[in-house]
Amino acid sequence: MNGRKRWAILELYCGESGKIGFYNSQELGLARALREKEIETTIVYPVKGLKRAELQEVESGITILRQPCRTVGIHAFYDLQFLLDRKIDVVHLDSDNQMYAPAVMRFCGKHGITFYNYVGTIYSDTENRWKRKVMDLISARNIRYFKKYGVAAKTEAVRQVLEKRGLSCVPVIPVGLDTSQIKKAGENKKELCEKLGIPYDKKRLLFVGRMENYKRPLAALKLLENLDAGYVLIMIGNGSLRGEVEAEIRKMGLEQRVFYRRQIPNIEMYRYYSAADYYINFNTHEIFGMSILEAMYQECTVVARRAPGPEEMIENGCTGFLCDSDEEMRDCIIQRKSDKIGERARQRVESVFTWSRSAEKLIDYAAKRGNVS
């Protein structure tokens, strides 16, 4: 025991999480900010098929625990004994609409562990009617627990949904950017383009995200097709639609205008954001969007479809652009009027959306949930 408080950040979603180095992890960013407050953090990722738990100290005071789990779809269930073994004082629970969340709350309550719920979504956006009905039932149950134990929302949109369901005094504590780990390009755009192998004499659009339907990568190709030859598209990401995306690039005859990278180490991503003229986001259900924050921080103009995340971060026409349709995104790119968007976007990230600021709010919120001050 060293006298420091010990927190655990619990992920209940079983998916593409816990991969260090290729994604600006929200959990790791928060853990670094907590470390500045003399708090040690264990980040817990459920891993299907894992035989035994794996501990990895990724940085001083920050440990990742990959925990064996059972799953129902994307919902993970795992043994919580490690909370007692590691003498955890506070649990940061990413509850959302996860099936296991109430059980975690009951476990913490039974063993006197302070916890709080932190949510970025309440309802499922699946197009499958039956899955949506099941998820709505899970969400309704979770909301009953939120009413009993309290909850903090990542966005104003989520707060409003919770308010409509009868919850009051829900604080909005946004996800932050870990600016301590993000470089700022020293080269000018021309030098960056030469290093990255992309044309400087074209307007450069940037799409970053998994090649999955919900991210709508094919819409990015359609946008490029509807712009003249003075525009090129940089695409970064992998996923189940990769083959379809690559085939569509050939079918559209865009081989010379699309620069596709399956994976870029996170430490190198700043170069792409800095080199791009526009960052485009087509996800109409975007919960938050760390890539949007990164683009804003690198003064890349964001053009996004309206969704809870972009609406939380972007002041339309001032620090980026929010659009009601793909066609409006195209028009916005063609008719861009302000050259100060990027500068103002960076200032907004630094003043509102950093983990350092959000960690202070989460610590204060946790203190109200129990004796953790």
Protein backbone atom coordinates (compact mmCIF):
# COMPACT_ATOMS: atom_id res chain seq x y z
CA MET A 1 0.00 0.00 0.00
CA ASN A 2 1.37 3.39 -0.95
CA GLY A 3 -1.48 5.60 0.27
CA ARG A 4 -2.70 6.44 -3.22
CA LYS A 5 -6.31 5.96 -4.20
CA ARG A 6 -6.95 3.07 -6.55
CA TRP A 7 -9.50 3.34 -9.31
CA ALA A 8 -10.75 0.81 -11.83
CA ILE A 9 -12.20 1.73 -15.21
CA LEU A 10 -14.55 -1.12 -16.16
CA GLU A 11 -15.47 -1.84 -19.76
CA LEU A 12 -18.46 -4.12 -20.21
CA TYR A 13 -18.52 -4.03 -24.00
CA CYS A 14 -16.68 -6.94 -25.60
CA GLY A 15 -15.30 -5.69 -28.89
CA GLU A 16 -12.26 -4.05 -30.42
CA SER A 17 -10.92 -2.63 -27.16
CA GLY A 18 -7.65 -2.85 -25.31
CA LYS A 19 -5.34 -2.58 -28.30
CA ILE A 20 -2.58 -0.26 -27.25
CA GLY A 21 -0.87 1.87 -29.85
CA PHE A 22 -3.44 2.04 -32.64
CA TYR A 23 -6.20 4.07 -31.04
CA ASN A 24 -6.39 7.10 -28.81
CA SER A 25 -7.99 5.17 -25.95
CA GLN A 26 -10.46 7.10 -23.84
CA GLU A 27 -9.67 4.86 -20.89
CA LEU A 28 -5.93 5.42 -21.14
CA GLY A 29 -6.39 9.16 -21.50
CA LEU A 30 -8.52 9.30 -18.37
CA ALA A 31 -6.05 7.09 -16.48
CA ARG A 32 -3.18 9.45 -17.29
CA ALA A 33 -5.20 12.41 -16.05
CA LEU A 34 -6.04 10.53 -12.84
CA ARG A 35 -2.35 9.74 -12.35
CA GLU A 36 -1.69 13.47 -12.24
CA LYS A 37 -4.06 13.51 -9.26
CA GLU A 38 -2.06 10.76 -7.49
CA ILE A 39 -4.56 8.03 -8.44
CA GLU A 40 -3.49 4.57 -9.63
CA THR A 41 -5.77 3.05 -12.25
CA THR A 42 -6.60 -0.43 -13.48
CA ILE A 43 -8.31 -0.50 -16.89
CA VAL A 44 -10.38 -3.65 -17.36
CA TYR A 45 -11.10 -5.04 -20.82
CA PRO A 46 -13.17 -8.23 -21.23
CA VAL A 47 -11.66 -10.68 -23.73
CA LYS A 48 -13.69 -13.57 -25.09
CA GLY A 49 -11.82 -16.88 -25.26
CA LEU A 50 -9.05 -15.83 -22.89
CA LYS A 51 -8.07 -18.67 -20.54
CA ARG A 52 -6.74 -16.61 -17.63
CA ALA A 53 -6.47 -12.96 -16.69
CA GLU A 54 -3.55 -10.98 -18.10
CA LEU A 55 -2.06 -8.00 -16.27
CA GLN A 56 0.09 -5.45 -18.07
CA GLU A 57 1.53 -2.32 -16.50
CA VAL A 58 1.52 -0.09 -19.59
CA GLU A 59 2.80 2.98 -17.76
CA SER A 60 3.70 3.93 -14.23
CA GLY A 61 0.51 3.82 -12.17
CA ILE A 62 -1.59 2.43 -15.05
CA THR A 63 -2.35 -1.27 -15.42
CA ILE A 64 -4.45 -3.01 -18.04
CA LEU A 65 -6.30 -6.13 -16.93
CA ARG A 66 -7.56 -8.31 -19.76
CA GLN A 67 -10.24 -10.37 -18.11
CA PRO A 68 -11.69 -13.70 -19.34
CA CYS A 69 -15.41 -13.37 -19.91
CA ARG A 70 -18.61 -14.95 -21.10
CA THR A 71 -20.54 -13.04 -23.71
CA VAL A 72 -24.00 -12.53 -25.11
CA GLY A 73 -23.35 -10.69 -28.32
CA ILE A 74 -21.25 -7.65 -27.36
CA HIS A 75 -22.24 -7.92 -23.68
CA ALA A 76 -19.52 -9.26 -21.40
CA PHE A 77 -19.86 -10.99 -18.02
CA TYR A 78 -16.81 -11.59 -15.85
CA ASP A 79 -15.63 -12.31 -12.30
CA LEU A 80 -15.34 -9.16 -10.19
CA GLN A 81 -13.17 -10.61 -7.43
CA PHE A 82 -10.20 -8.62 -8.76
CA LEU A 83 -11.84 -5.45 -7.41
CA LEU A 84 -11.30 -6.83 -3.91
CA ASP A 85 -7.92 -8.40 -4.64
CA ARG A 86 -6.57 -5.11 -6.03
CA LYS A 87 -8.18 -3.12 -3.20
CA ILE A 88 -10.03 -0.81 -5.59
CA ASP A 89 -11.47 2.30 -3.96
CA VAL A 90 -13.53 3.69 -6.86
CA VAL A 91 -15.08 2.07 -9.93
CA HIS A 92 -15.66 4.14 -13.05
CA LEU A 93 -18.37 2.09 -14.77
CA ASP A 94 -19.01 2.58 -18.48
CA SER A 95 -22.57 1.34 -18.11
CA ASP A 96 -24.33 2.50 -21.29
CA ASN A 97 -26.89 -0.17 -22.26
CA GLN A 98 -24.80 -3.13 -21.10
CA MET A 99 -26.51 -6.16 -19.55
CA TYR A 100 -23.93 -6.67 -16.79
CA ALA A 101 -24.04 -3.13 -15.40
CA PRO A 102 -26.64 -3.75 -12.64
CA ALA A 103 -24.68 -6.77 -11.36
CA VAL A 104 -21.53 -4.66 -11.12
CA MET A 105 -23.44 -2.00 -9.19
CA ARG A 106 -24.79 -4.58 -6.77
CA PHE A 107 -21.32 -6.08 -6.25
CA CYS A 108 -19.80 -2.69 -5.50
CA GLY A 109 -22.63 -1.81 -3.16
CA LYS A 110 -22.32 -5.11 -1.30
CA HIS A 111 -18.57 -4.68 -0.78
CA GLY A 112 -18.56 -0.98 0.01
CA ILE A 113 -16.76 0.10 -3.18
CA THR A 114 -17.60 3.58 -4.36
CA PHE A 115 -18.77 3.59 -7.97
CA TYR A 116 -20.44 5.84 -10.51
CA ASN A 117 -22.10 5.26 -13.86
CA TYR A 118 -20.78 7.05 -16.94
CA VAL A 119 -22.86 6.75 -20.10
CA GLY A 120 -22.54 7.84 -23.71
CA THR A 121 -25.58 6.03 -25.08
CA ILE A 122 -28.86 4.72 -23.73
CA TYR A 123 -30.62 3.02 -26.60
CA SER A 124 -29.38 0.78 -29.40
CA ASP A 125 -29.14 2.08 -32.96
CA THR A 126 -29.46 -1.40 -34.49
CA GLU A 127 -31.76 -1.71 -37.49
CA ASN A 128 -32.89 -5.16 -36.33
CA ARG A 129 -36.33 -4.67 -34.78
CA TRP A 130 -36.10 -7.63 -32.39
CA LYS A 131 -32.61 -6.78 -31.20
CA ARG A 132 -33.76 -3.22 -30.60
CA LYS A 133 -36.69 -4.42 -28.49
CA VAL A 134 -34.36 -6.53 -26.35
CA MET A 135 -31.93 -3.63 -25.99
CA ASP A 136 -34.78 -1.31 -25.00
CA LEU A 137 -35.69 -3.71 -22.19
CA ILE A 138 -32.07 -3.77 -21.01
CA SER A 139 -31.91 0.02 -21.16
CA ALA A 140 -35.13 0.35 -19.16
CA ARG A 141 -33.67 -1.88 -16.44
CA ASN A 142 -30.39 0.06 -16.38
CA ILE A 143 -32.28 3.35 -16.10
CA ARG A 144 -34.03 2.04 -12.97
CA TYR A 145 -30.58 1.47 -11.46
CA PHE A 146 -29.41 4.91 -12.61
CA LYS A 147 -32.35 6.42 -10.73
CA LYS A 148 -31.22 4.61 -7.60
CA TYR A 149 -27.45 5.14 -7.85
CA GLY A 150 -27.02 8.18 -10.09
CA VAL A 151 -25.34 8.64 -13.46
CA ALA A 152 -23.12 11.10 -15.33
CA ALA A 153 -23.62 11.70 -19.06
CA LYS A 154 -20.96 12.19 -21.72
CA THR A 155 -23.12 14.54 -23.78
CA GLU A 156 -26.01 16.95 -23.41
CA ALA A 157 -28.06 14.75 -25.75
CA VAL A 158 -27.74 11.80 -23.37
CA ARG A 159 -28.59 14.01 -20.40
CA GLN A 160 -31.80 15.07 -22.13
CA VAL A 161 -32.77 11.45 -22.82
CA LEU A 162 -32.20 10.57 -19.16
CA GLU A 163 -34.19 13.60 -18.06
CA LYS A 164 -37.13 12.48 -20.18
CA ARG A 165 -36.93 9.12 -18.40
CA GLY A 166 -37.30 10.78 -15.02
CA LEU A 167 -33.70 11.39 -13.92
CA SER A 168 -32.78 14.82 -12.60
CA CYS A 169 -29.52 16.57 -11.75
CA VAL A 170 -27.53 14.50 -14.25
CA PRO A 171 -24.11 16.14 -14.76
CA VAL A 172 -22.60 16.34 -18.24
CA ILE A 173 -18.91 15.44 -18.11
CA PRO A 174 -17.49 15.20 -21.63
CA VAL A 175 -14.91 12.77 -22.88
CA GLY A 176 -11.54 14.47 -23.18
CA LEU A 177 -8.48 14.43 -25.37
CA ASP A 178 -5.16 13.38 -23.88
CA THR A 179 -3.18 16.36 -25.18
CA SER A 180 -0.05 15.29 -23.30
CA GLN A 181 0.39 12.42 -25.76
CA ILE A 182 -0.43 14.21 -29.02
CA LYS A 183 2.29 15.86 -31.03
CA LYS A 184 1.90 18.99 -33.11
CA ALA A 185 3.42 18.78 -36.56
CA GLY A 186 6.57 20.86 -36.96
CA GLU A 187 6.47 20.59 -40.74
CA ASN A 188 4.27 22.68 -43.00
CA LYS A 189 1.52 21.00 -45.02
CA LYS A 190 3.67 20.64 -48.12
CA GLU A 191 6.42 18.85 -46.21
CA LEU A 192 3.86 16.64 -44.47
CA CYS A 193 2.24 15.65 -47.75
CA GLU A 194 5.61 14.71 -49.21
CA LYS A 195 6.39 12.51 -46.18
CA LEU A 196 2.98 10.84 -46.26
CA GLY A 197 2.93 10.31 -50.02
CA ILE A 198 -0.23 12.32 -50.65
CA PRO A 199 -0.66 15.21 -53.11
CA TYR A 200 -0.19 18.74 -51.83
CA ASP A 201 -1.79 20.40 -54.87
CA LYS A 202 -5.23 18.90 -54.07
CA LYS A 203 -7.77 19.51 -51.33
CA ARG A 204 -7.41 16.61 -48.90
CA LEU A 205 -10.36 14.93 -47.17
CA LEU A 206 -9.66 12.60 -44.24
CA PHE A 207 -11.82 9.68 -43.08
CA VAL A 208 -10.70 7.80 -39.95
CA GLY A 209 -12.71 4.91 -38.55
CA ARG A 210 -13.52 1.24 -38.69
CA MET A 211 -14.70 -0.06 -42.04
CA GLU A 212 -18.16 -0.94 -40.72
CA ASN A 213 -21.66 0.04 -41.78
CA TYR A 214 -22.25 2.39 -38.86
CA LYS A 215 -19.21 4.49 -39.83
CA ARG A 216 -20.46 4.67 -43.45
CA PRO A 217 -17.11 4.56 -45.31
CA LEU A 218 -18.89 4.03 -48.63
CA ALA A 219 -20.54 7.43 -48.18
CA ALA A 220 -17.05 8.96 -48.07
CA LEU A 221 -16.30 7.43 -51.47
CA LYS A 222 -19.60 8.72 -52.83
CA LEU A 223 -18.75 12.20 -51.57
CA LEU A 224 -15.39 12.12 -53.33
CA GLU A 225 -17.04 10.90 -56.54
CA ASN A 226 -19.32 13.94 -56.42
CA LEU A 227 -16.40 16.36 -56.06
CA ASP A 228 -14.13 17.41 -58.89
CA ALA A 229 -10.62 16.10 -59.49
CA GLY A 230 -9.20 18.80 -57.24
CA TYR A 231 -10.07 16.68 -54.20
CA VAL A 232 -8.51 13.49 -52.84
CA LEU A 233 -9.51 11.23 -49.95
CA ILE A 234 -7.30 9.70 -47.26
CA MET A 235 -8.98 6.71 -45.60
CA ILE A 236 -7.59 5.09 -42.45
CA GLY A 237 -9.20 2.06 -40.86
CA ASN A 238 -9.89 -1.66 -41.08
CA GLY A 239 -12.97 -3.80 -40.63
CA SER A 240 -15.50 -6.10 -42.25
CA LEU A 241 -16.20 -3.71 -45.14
CA ARG A 242 -12.56 -3.38 -46.16
CA GLY A 243 -12.92 -5.63 -49.20
CA GLU A 244 -16.10 -3.88 -50.30
CA VAL A 245 -14.47 -0.47 -49.89
CA GLU A 246 -11.46 -1.51 -51.94
CA ALA A 247 -13.71 -2.98 -54.64
CA GLU A 248 -15.81 0.18 -54.74
CA ILE A 249 -12.70 2.32 -55.15
CA ARG A 250 -11.84 0.32 -58.27
CA LYS A 251 -15.42 0.31 -59.54
CA MET A 252 -15.65 4.10 -59.24
CA GLY A 253 -12.27 4.57 -60.87
CA LEU A 254 -10.91 6.38 -57.82
CA GLU A 255 -7.61 4.51 -57.49
CA GLN A 256 -5.60 7.70 -58.09
CA ARG A 257 -7.71 9.81 -55.72
CA VAL A 258 -8.06 7.54 -52.67
CA PHE A 259 -5.10 6.90 -50.37
CA TYR A 260 -6.11 3.97 -48.18
CA ARG A 261 -4.19 2.96 -45.06
CA ARG A 262 -5.50 0.00 -43.07
CA GLN A 263 -3.75 0.94 -39.84
CA ILE A 264 -1.56 3.79 -38.63
CA PRO A 265 0.10 3.81 -35.17
CA ASN A 266 -1.66 6.35 -32.99
CA ILE A 267 1.60 8.19 -32.38
CA GLU A 268 1.74 9.00 -36.12
CA MET A 269 -1.89 10.03 -36.61
CA TYR A 270 -1.24 13.70 -35.88
CA ARG A 271 0.57 14.00 -39.22
CA TYR A 272 -2.54 12.97 -41.15
CA TYR A 273 -4.85 15.31 -39.24
CA SER A 274 -2.38 18.15 -39.77
CA ALA A 275 -1.98 17.41 -43.49
CA ALA A 276 -5.72 17.20 -44.21
CA ASP A 277 -7.93 20.14 -45.11
CA TYR A 278 -11.17 18.51 -43.96
CA TYR A 279 -12.05 15.72 -41.57
CA ILE A 280 -15.34 14.07 -42.60
CA ASN A 281 -17.65 12.07 -40.32
CA PHE A 282 -20.76 10.34 -41.68
CA ASN A 283 -21.88 8.42 -38.56
CA THR A 284 -25.38 9.67 -37.75
CA HIS A 285 -25.29 7.91 -34.36
CA GLU A 286 -21.82 9.06 -33.26
CA ILE A 287 -21.75 8.86 -29.46
CA PHE A 288 -18.71 11.08 -29.16
CA GLY A 289 -15.91 10.68 -31.69
CA MET A 290 -12.33 10.89 -30.45
CA SER A 291 -11.11 11.33 -34.01
CA ILE A 292 -13.20 14.47 -34.30
CA LEU A 293 -11.48 15.91 -31.23
CA GLU A 294 -8.07 14.98 -32.61
CA ALA A 295 -8.85 16.65 -35.92
CA MET A 296 -10.03 19.81 -34.16
CA TYR A 297 -6.90 19.84 -32.01
CA GLN A 298 -4.74 19.71 -35.15
CA GLU A 299 -6.77 22.58 -36.67
CA CYS A 300 -8.32 20.39 -39.37
CA THR A 301 -11.80 21.60 -40.32
CA VAL A 302 -14.44 19.03 -39.32
CA VAL A 303 -17.51 18.49 -41.50
CA ALA A 304 -19.85 16.02 -39.80
CA ARG A 305 -23.37 14.67 -39.97
CA ARG A 306 -25.44 15.73 -37.00
CA ALA A 307 -25.22 13.27 -34.10
CA PRO A 308 -24.93 13.57 -30.30
CA GLY A 309 -21.11 13.59 -30.29
CA PRO A 310 -20.45 16.15 -33.02
CA GLU A 311 -23.23 18.38 -31.69
CA GLU A 312 -21.56 18.36 -28.28
CA MET A 313 -18.13 19.29 -29.64
CA ILE A 314 -18.76 21.52 -32.65
CA GLU A 315 -20.22 25.01 -32.66
CA ASN A 316 -21.74 25.01 -36.13
CA GLY A 317 -20.04 27.48 -38.45
CA CYS A 318 -17.61 28.55 -35.74
CA THR A 319 -15.48 25.52 -34.80
CA GLY A 320 -16.64 23.15 -37.54
CA PHE A 321 -19.72 22.27 -39.55
CA LEU A 322 -22.77 20.15 -38.69
CA CYS A 323 -24.82 18.88 -41.61
CA ASP A 324 -28.28 17.34 -41.97
CA SER A 325 -27.41 15.34 -45.09
CA ASP A 326 -24.50 13.98 -47.09
CA GLU A 327 -25.36 16.50 -49.80
CA GLU A 328 -25.02 19.34 -47.32
CA MET A 329 -21.58 18.03 -46.38
CA ARG A 330 -20.55 18.26 -50.03
CA ASP A 331 -21.93 21.79 -50.36
CA CYS A 332 -20.21 22.82 -47.13
CA ILE A 333 -16.84 21.62 -48.40
CA ILE A 334 -17.25 23.39 -51.74
CA GLN A 335 -18.49 26.66 -50.21
CA ARG A 336 -16.18 26.93 -47.22
CA LYS A 337 -15.92 30.60 -46.24
CA SER A 338 -13.81 30.83 -43.09
CA ASP A 339 -10.11 30.17 -42.67
CA LYS A 340 -10.28 30.60 -38.88
CA ILE A 341 -12.31 27.44 -38.22
CA GLY A 342 -9.29 25.28 -37.40
CA GLU A 343 -7.75 27.77 -35.00
CA ARG A 344 -11.02 28.22 -33.12
CA ALA A 345 -11.56 24.45 -33.04
CA ARG A 346 -8.20 23.90 -31.35
CA GLN A 347 -8.99 26.57 -28.77
CA ARG A 348 -12.31 24.89 -28.01
CA VAL A 349 -10.66 21.51 -27.41
CA GLU A 350 -8.05 23.05 -25.11
CA SER A 351 -10.65 24.95 -23.09
CA VAL A 352 -13.37 22.29 -22.82
CA PHE A 353 -12.42 18.82 -24.02
CA THR A 354 -9.28 17.63 -22.26
CA TRP A 355 -9.06 14.68 -19.89
CA SER A 356 -7.34 16.89 -17.35
CA ARG A 357 -10.50 18.99 -17.02
CA SER A 358 -12.90 16.06 -17.19
CA ALA A 359 -10.91 14.03 -14.63
CA GLU A 360 -11.32 16.81 -12.07
CA LYS A 361 -15.08 16.74 -12.61
CA LEU A 362 -15.21 12.95 -12.35
CA ILE A 363 -13.20 12.97 -9.12
CA ASP A 364 -15.60 15.54 -7.67
CA TYR A 365 -18.57 13.48 -8.82
CA ALA A 366 -17.11 10.29 -7.31
CA ALA A 367 -16.54 12.12 -4.03
CA LYS A 368 -20.27 12.78 -3.84
CA ARG A 369 -20.95 9.07 -4.32
CA GLY A 370 -18.87 8.01 -1.30
CA ASN A 371 -15.90 8.73 0.96
CA VAL A 372 -13.21 9.12 -1.73
CA SER A 373 -11.97 12.65 -1.19
